[in-house]
Structures are given as structure tokens and as C-alpha cells.
C-alpha atoms as a PDB file:
ATOM      1  CA  UNK A   1     -12.417  35.161   1.486  1.00  0.00           C
ATOM      2  CA  UNK A   2     -12.295  33.145  -1.697  1.00  0.00           C
ATOM      3  CA  UNK A   3     -13.825  29.589  -0.939  1.00  0.00           C
ATOM      4  CA  UNK A   4     -11.178  26.695  -0.728  1.00  0.00           C
ATOM      5  CA  UNK A   5      -8.730  29.428   0.248  1.00  0.00           C
ATOM      6  CA  UNK A   6      -5.597  28.100   1.777  1.00  0.00           C
ATOM      7  CA  UNK A   7      -2.985  29.808   3.706  1.00  0.00           C
ATOM      8  CA  UNK A   8      -0.383  27.490   5.237  1.00  0.00           C
ATOM      9  CA  UNK A   9       1.616  28.398   7.992  1.00  0.00           C
ATOM     10  CA  UNK A  10       5.569  28.627   7.966  1.00  0.00           C
ATOM     11  CA  UNK A  11       5.837  25.222   9.718  1.00  0.00           C
ATOM     12  CA  UNK A  12       2.844  23.650   7.325  1.00  0.00           C
ATOM     13  CA  UNK A  13       4.700  25.146   4.046  1.00  0.00           C
ATOM     14  CA  UNK A  14       8.047  24.288   5.183  1.00  0.00           C
ATOM     15  CA  UNK A  15       6.527  21.020   5.542  1.00  0.00           C
ATOM     16  CA  UNK A  16       5.223  19.847   2.250  1.00  0.00           C
ATOM     17  CA  UNK A  17       8.442  21.876   0.651  1.00  0.00           C
ATOM     18  CA  UNK A  18      10.152  18.742   1.985  1.00  0.00           C
ATOM     19  CA  UNK A  19       7.772  16.353   1.792  1.00  0.00           C
ATOM     20  CA  UNK A  20       7.419  17.493  -2.002  1.00  0.00           C
ATOM     21  CA  UNK A  21      11.200  17.418  -2.944  1.00  0.00           C
ATOM     22  CA  UNK A  22      13.075  15.150  -0.398  1.00  0.00           C
ATOM     23  CA  UNK A  23      12.958  11.101   0.427  1.00  0.00           C
ATOM     24  CA  UNK A  24      10.767   8.260  -1.542  1.00  0.00           C
ATOM     25  CA  UNK A  25       6.846   8.501  -1.447  1.00  0.00           C
ATOM     26  CA  UNK A  26       3.969   7.985  -3.801  1.00  0.00           C
ATOM     27  CA  UNK A  27       3.193  10.295  -6.798  1.00  0.00           C
ATOM     28  CA  UNK A  28      -0.067  10.860  -5.383  1.00  0.00           C
ATOM     29  CA  UNK A  29       1.137  11.916  -2.079  1.00  0.00           C
ATOM     30  CA  UNK A  30       3.570  14.123  -3.687  1.00  0.00           C
ATOM     31  CA  UNK A  31       1.703  15.943  -5.908  1.00  0.00           C
ATOM     32  CA  UNK A  32      -1.301  15.900  -2.963  1.00  0.00           C
ATOM     33  CA  UNK A  33       1.288  18.499  -1.455  1.00  0.00           C
ATOM     34  CA  UNK A  34       2.521  20.299  -4.495  1.00  0.00           C
ATOM     35  CA  UNK A  35      -1.649  21.221  -5.118  1.00  0.00           C
ATOM     36  CA  UNK A  36      -1.592  22.920  -1.583  1.00  0.00           C
ATOM     37  CA  UNK A  37       1.284  24.355  -2.095  1.00  0.00           C
ATOM     38  CA  UNK A  38       0.157  26.159  -5.179  1.00  0.00           C
ATOM     39  CA  UNK A  39      -3.472  26.930  -3.492  1.00  0.00           C
ATOM     40  CA  UNK A  40      -1.263  28.664  -0.878  1.00  0.00           C
ATOM     41  CA  UNK A  41      -1.971  32.231  -0.443  1.00  0.00           C
ATOM     42  CA  UNK A  42       0.756  32.981   2.462  1.00  0.00           C
ATOM     43  CA  UNK A  43       2.901  35.578   2.555  1.00  0.00           C
ATOM     44  CA  UNK A  44       0.975  37.508  -0.157  1.00  0.00           C
ATOM     45  CA  UNK A  45       1.574  34.027  -2.877  1.00  0.00           C
ATOM     46  CA  UNK A  46      -1.149  34.246  -5.326  1.00  0.00           C
ATOM     47  CA  UNK A  47      -3.396  30.858  -5.387  1.00  0.00           C
ATOM     48  CA  UNK A  48      -3.162  29.448  -9.042  1.00  0.00           C
ATOM     49  CA  UNK A  49      -6.463  28.763 -10.178  1.00  0.00           C
ATOM     50  CA  UNK A  50      -7.722  25.543  -9.984  1.00  0.00           C
ATOM     51  CA  UNK A  51      -7.728  24.087 -13.766  1.00  0.00           C
ATOM     52  CA  UNK A  52      -4.331  25.705 -13.900  1.00  0.00           C
ATOM     53  CA  UNK A  53      -2.982  23.417 -10.929  1.00  0.00           C
ATOM     54  CA  UNK A  54      -4.781  20.183 -12.756  1.00  0.00           C
ATOM     55  CA  UNK A  55      -3.117  21.162 -15.897  1.00  0.00           C
ATOM     56  CA  UNK A  56       0.399  21.734 -13.971  1.00  0.00           C
ATOM     57  CA  UNK A  57       0.085  18.794 -11.919  1.00  0.00           C
ATOM     58  CA  UNK A  58      -1.097  16.387 -14.663  1.00  0.00           C
ATOM     59  CA  UNK A  59      -4.452  15.542 -12.988  1.00  0.00           C
ATOM     60  CA  UNK A  60      -8.161  16.310 -13.600  1.00  0.00           C
ATOM     61  CA  UNK A  61      -9.872  19.589 -11.743  1.00  0.00           C
ATOM     62  CA  UNK A  62     -12.347  17.264  -9.018  1.00  0.00           C
ATOM     63  CA  UNK A  63      -8.709  15.406  -8.141  1.00  0.00           C
ATOM     64  CA  UNK A  64      -7.592  19.266  -7.181  1.00  0.00           C
ATOM     65  CA  UNK A  65     -11.072  19.953  -5.795  1.00  0.00           C
ATOM     66  CA  UNK A  66     -10.759  16.776  -3.720  1.00  0.00           C
ATOM     67  CA  UNK A  67      -7.313  17.234  -2.438  1.00  0.00           C
ATOM     68  CA  UNK A  68      -7.821  20.526  -1.425  1.00  0.00           C
ATOM     69  CA  UNK A  69     -11.335  19.261   0.702  1.00  0.00           C
ATOM     70  CA  UNK A  70      -9.120  16.429   2.362  1.00  0.00           C
ATOM     71  CA  UNK A  71      -6.362  19.091   3.056  1.00  0.00           C
ATOM     72  CA  UNK A  72      -9.275  21.021   4.593  1.00  0.00           C
ATOM     73  CA  UNK A  73     -10.476  18.903   6.834  1.00  0.00           C
ATOM     74  CA  UNK A  74      -7.484  16.651   7.940  1.00  0.00           C
ATOM     75  CA  UNK A  75      -6.108  17.158  11.270  1.00  0.00           C
ATOM     76  CA  UNK A  76      -2.765  17.740  10.187  1.00  0.00           C
ATOM     77  CA  UNK A  77      -0.645  18.038   7.155  1.00  0.00           C
ATOM     78  CA  UNK A  78       0.946  14.265   8.783  1.00  0.00           C
ATOM     79  CA  UNK A  79      -2.034  12.849   8.680  1.00  0.00           C
ATOM     80  CA  UNK A  80      -2.824  14.869   5.006  1.00  0.00           C
ATOM     81  CA  UNK A  81       0.002  13.314   4.136  1.00  0.00           C
ATOM     82  CA  UNK A  82      -0.771   9.674   4.628  1.00  0.00           C
ATOM     83  CA  UNK A  83      -2.220   7.027   2.762  1.00  0.00           C
ATOM     84  CA  UNK A  84      -5.722   5.712   3.738  1.00  0.00           C
ATOM     85  CA  UNK A  85      -5.497   2.669   5.686  1.00  0.00           C
ATOM     86  CA  UNK A  86      -8.092  -0.155   4.674  1.00  0.00           C
ATOM     87  CA  UNK A  87      -9.891  -2.157   7.496  1.00  0.00           C
ATOM     88  CA  UNK A  88      -9.610  -5.286   5.852  1.00  0.00           C
ATOM     89  CA  UNK A  89      -7.527  -6.181   2.940  1.00  0.00           C
ATOM     90  CA  UNK A  90      -9.242  -6.979  -0.674  1.00  0.00           C
ATOM     91  CA  UNK A  91      -9.211 -10.356  -0.447  1.00  0.00           C
ATOM     92  CA  UNK A  92      -8.949 -12.487   2.570  1.00  0.00           C
ATOM     93  CA  UNK A  93      -5.845 -14.407   2.814  1.00  0.00           C
ATOM     94  CA  UNK A  94      -6.963 -18.018   1.740  1.00  0.00           C
ATOM     95  CA  UNK A  95      -2.991 -19.766   3.501  1.00  0.00           C
ATOM     96  CA  UNK A  96      -3.813 -18.483   7.396  1.00  0.00           C
ATOM     97  CA  UNK A  97      -1.154 -19.407   9.826  1.00  0.00           C
ATOM     98  CA  UNK A  98      -3.141 -22.686  10.583  1.00  0.00           C
ATOM     99  CA  UNK A  99      -2.347 -24.161   7.309  1.00  0.00           C
ATOM    100  CA  UNK A 100       1.087 -22.791   7.114  1.00  0.00           C
ATOM    101  CA  UNK A 101       1.871 -25.175  10.427  1.00  0.00           C
ATOM    102  CA  UNK A 102       0.645 -28.169   8.874  1.00  0.00           C
ATOM    103  CA  UNK A 103       1.703 -27.316   5.504  1.00  0.00           C
ATOM    104  CA  UNK A 104       5.490 -26.947   7.343  1.00  0.00           C
ATOM    105  CA  UNK A 105       4.778 -30.096   9.474  1.00  0.00           C
ATOM    106  CA  UNK A 106       3.776 -32.094   7.078  1.00  0.00           C
ATOM    107  CA  UNK A 107       6.810 -30.791   4.610  1.00  0.00           C
ATOM    108  CA  UNK A 108       8.853 -32.227   7.903  1.00  0.00           C
ATOM    109  CA  UNK A 109       7.147 -35.207   7.644  1.00  0.00           C
ATOM    110  CA  UNK A 110       8.320 -38.650   6.722  1.00  0.00           C
ATOM    111  CA  UNK A 111       8.688 -38.835   2.629  1.00  0.00           C
ATOM    112  CA  UNK A 112       5.432 -41.012   0.760  1.00  0.00           C
ATOM    113  CA  UNK A 113       6.389 -44.195  -0.003  1.00  0.00           C
ATOM    114  CA  UNK A 114       8.205 -44.760  -3.974  1.00  0.00           C
ATOM    115  CA  UNK A 115       9.473 -41.135  -2.941  1.00  0.00           C
ATOM    116  CA  UNK A 116      12.556 -39.850  -2.306  1.00  0.00           C
ATOM    117  CA  UNK A 117      11.720 -36.471  -1.346  1.00  0.00           C
ATOM    118  CA  UNK A 118       8.686 -33.931  -1.636  1.00  0.00           C
ATOM    119  CA  UNK A 119       7.556 -32.102  -4.171  1.00  0.00           C
ATOM    120  CA  UNK A 120       6.465 -29.144  -4.111  1.00  0.00           C
ATOM    121  CA  UNK A 121       3.492 -30.355  -6.257  1.00  0.00           C
ATOM    122  CA  UNK A 122       3.419 -33.015  -4.430  1.00  0.00           C
ATOM    123  CA  UNK A 123       3.057 -31.359  -0.981  1.00  0.00           C
ATOM    124  CA  UNK A 124       0.464 -28.869  -2.697  1.00  0.00           C
ATOM    125  CA  UNK A 125      -1.763 -32.278  -3.883  1.00  0.00           C
ATOM    126  CA  UNK A 126      -1.064 -33.747  -0.589  1.00  0.00           C
ATOM    127  CA  UNK A 127      -2.273 -30.572   1.632  1.00  0.00           C
ATOM    128  CA  UNK A 128      -5.212 -30.679  -0.596  1.00  0.00           C
ATOM    129  CA  UNK A 129      -6.381 -34.198   0.134  1.00  0.00           C
ATOM    130  CA  UNK A 130      -5.458 -33.932   4.058  1.00  0.00           C
ATOM    131  CA  UNK A 131      -8.189 -31.182   3.529  1.00  0.00           C
ATOM    132  CA  UNK A 132      -5.555 -28.473   5.143  1.00  0.00           C
ATOM    133  CA  UNK A 133      -6.508 -26.019   2.209  1.00  0.00           C
ATOM    134  CA  UNK A 134      -8.937 -26.060  -0.510  1.00  0.00           C
ATOM    135  CA  UNK A 135      -6.631 -26.090  -3.668  1.00  0.00           C
ATOM    136  CA  UNK A 136      -2.945 -24.135  -3.547  1.00  0.00           C
ATOM    137  CA  UNK A 137      -0.388 -23.971  -5.943  1.00  0.00           C
ATOM    138  CA  UNK A 138       3.035 -25.731  -6.121  1.00  0.00           C
ATOM    139  CA  UNK A 139       4.245 -21.729  -5.933  1.00  0.00           C
ATOM    140  CA  UNK A 140       2.189 -21.019  -2.692  1.00  0.00           C
ATOM    141  CA  UNK A 141       4.260 -23.918  -1.485  1.00  0.00           C
ATOM    142  CA  UNK A 142       7.249 -22.752  -2.435  1.00  0.00           C
ATOM    143  CA  UNK A 143       6.805 -19.195  -1.563  1.00  0.00           C
ATOM    144  CA  UNK A 144       6.163 -20.403   2.357  1.00  0.00           C
ATOM    145  CA  UNK A 145       8.744 -22.701   2.536  1.00  0.00           C
ATOM    146  CA  UNK A 146      10.989 -19.675   1.459  1.00  0.00           C
ATOM    147  CA  UNK A 147       9.377 -17.267   4.060  1.00  0.00           C
ATOM    148  CA  UNK A 148      10.414 -19.766   6.317  1.00  0.00           C
ATOM    149  CA  UNK A 149      13.522 -20.560   5.359  1.00  0.00           C
ATOM    150  CA  UNK A 150      12.826 -23.939   5.053  1.00  0.00           C
ATOM    151  CA  UNK A 151      13.990 -26.164   1.759  1.00  0.00           C
ATOM    152  CA  UNK A 152      13.264 -29.577   0.658  1.00  0.00           C
ATOM    153  CA  UNK A 153      16.858 -31.011  -0.121  1.00  0.00           C
END
């Protein structure tokens, strides 16, 4: 048997074909399914060479090798066709639930003297002044209030 030979069961092939032709999926995952389908040697199919697959799909040979390795080591087709979940977000969110609560409470509080109503910039500046957060933009305050269906009218 050749190295990296892939022989799919009828069920696996059907699942990969369905995934690559139906539904809305990321291009990366669809390409992974197509690569494995092109490597399949079941039912006397002739697998394409890795270079041909790379050219046909529009990826590098390294990507083809990595996809094959991932498929061979995956527990199932479902696991193979899922994005890896990150353990932590790339950047910790600056606005925590505690900060959100404080800004919402501030927006619902009495308006400062000399003001008719809270502005987004005023809320942002006051949040920094009260040490709720190091810095925050008026647009972040806007998104926060919108997320909670609040407005400053």
C-alpha cells in the first residue's frame, strides 16, 4: 500500500460529497473535503497525484499533505470537517460584563449639570474618569448600548 493512500467508505464519500456541494461552508473546509475526495481510491478509483490536486484546487502541495495527514489522524469525517476552536480569544475583551453594567447604569443615571442628555462621547469620557475602564471610544459605547437595545433619546 502506498503512503497516504485513502480509501473511503461509501458513507464517508457521501458525507464529503454532500459537504462540498451543499450548504454554506468556508472555502477552506470545502477544499479539505475536495482534496480527500480526489485522493480516494475506493471502488477502483485512481487517486490524483498531490501536485495535480494542489493545482486543481488552487492550494499548495504542503496544504494537500497537511489535509491528508489531518484526515488520517481525525476521529471521524465530522471532526475532520470542523474548524478548530480556539482555547482563548486572540485578544481578551476590553469591555467585560462588569464594565458593561457600570456604563449602562451611568447612561440611565441623571445627566451631568449643564447637559440636556448623555452623549456617547460624554459616556465614554465619564467611564474613563470614573475608572470603569482605561479607555473606550464613543463607538464602543454605541455598540454596547445597541446590544442591550438602549438609546440615548
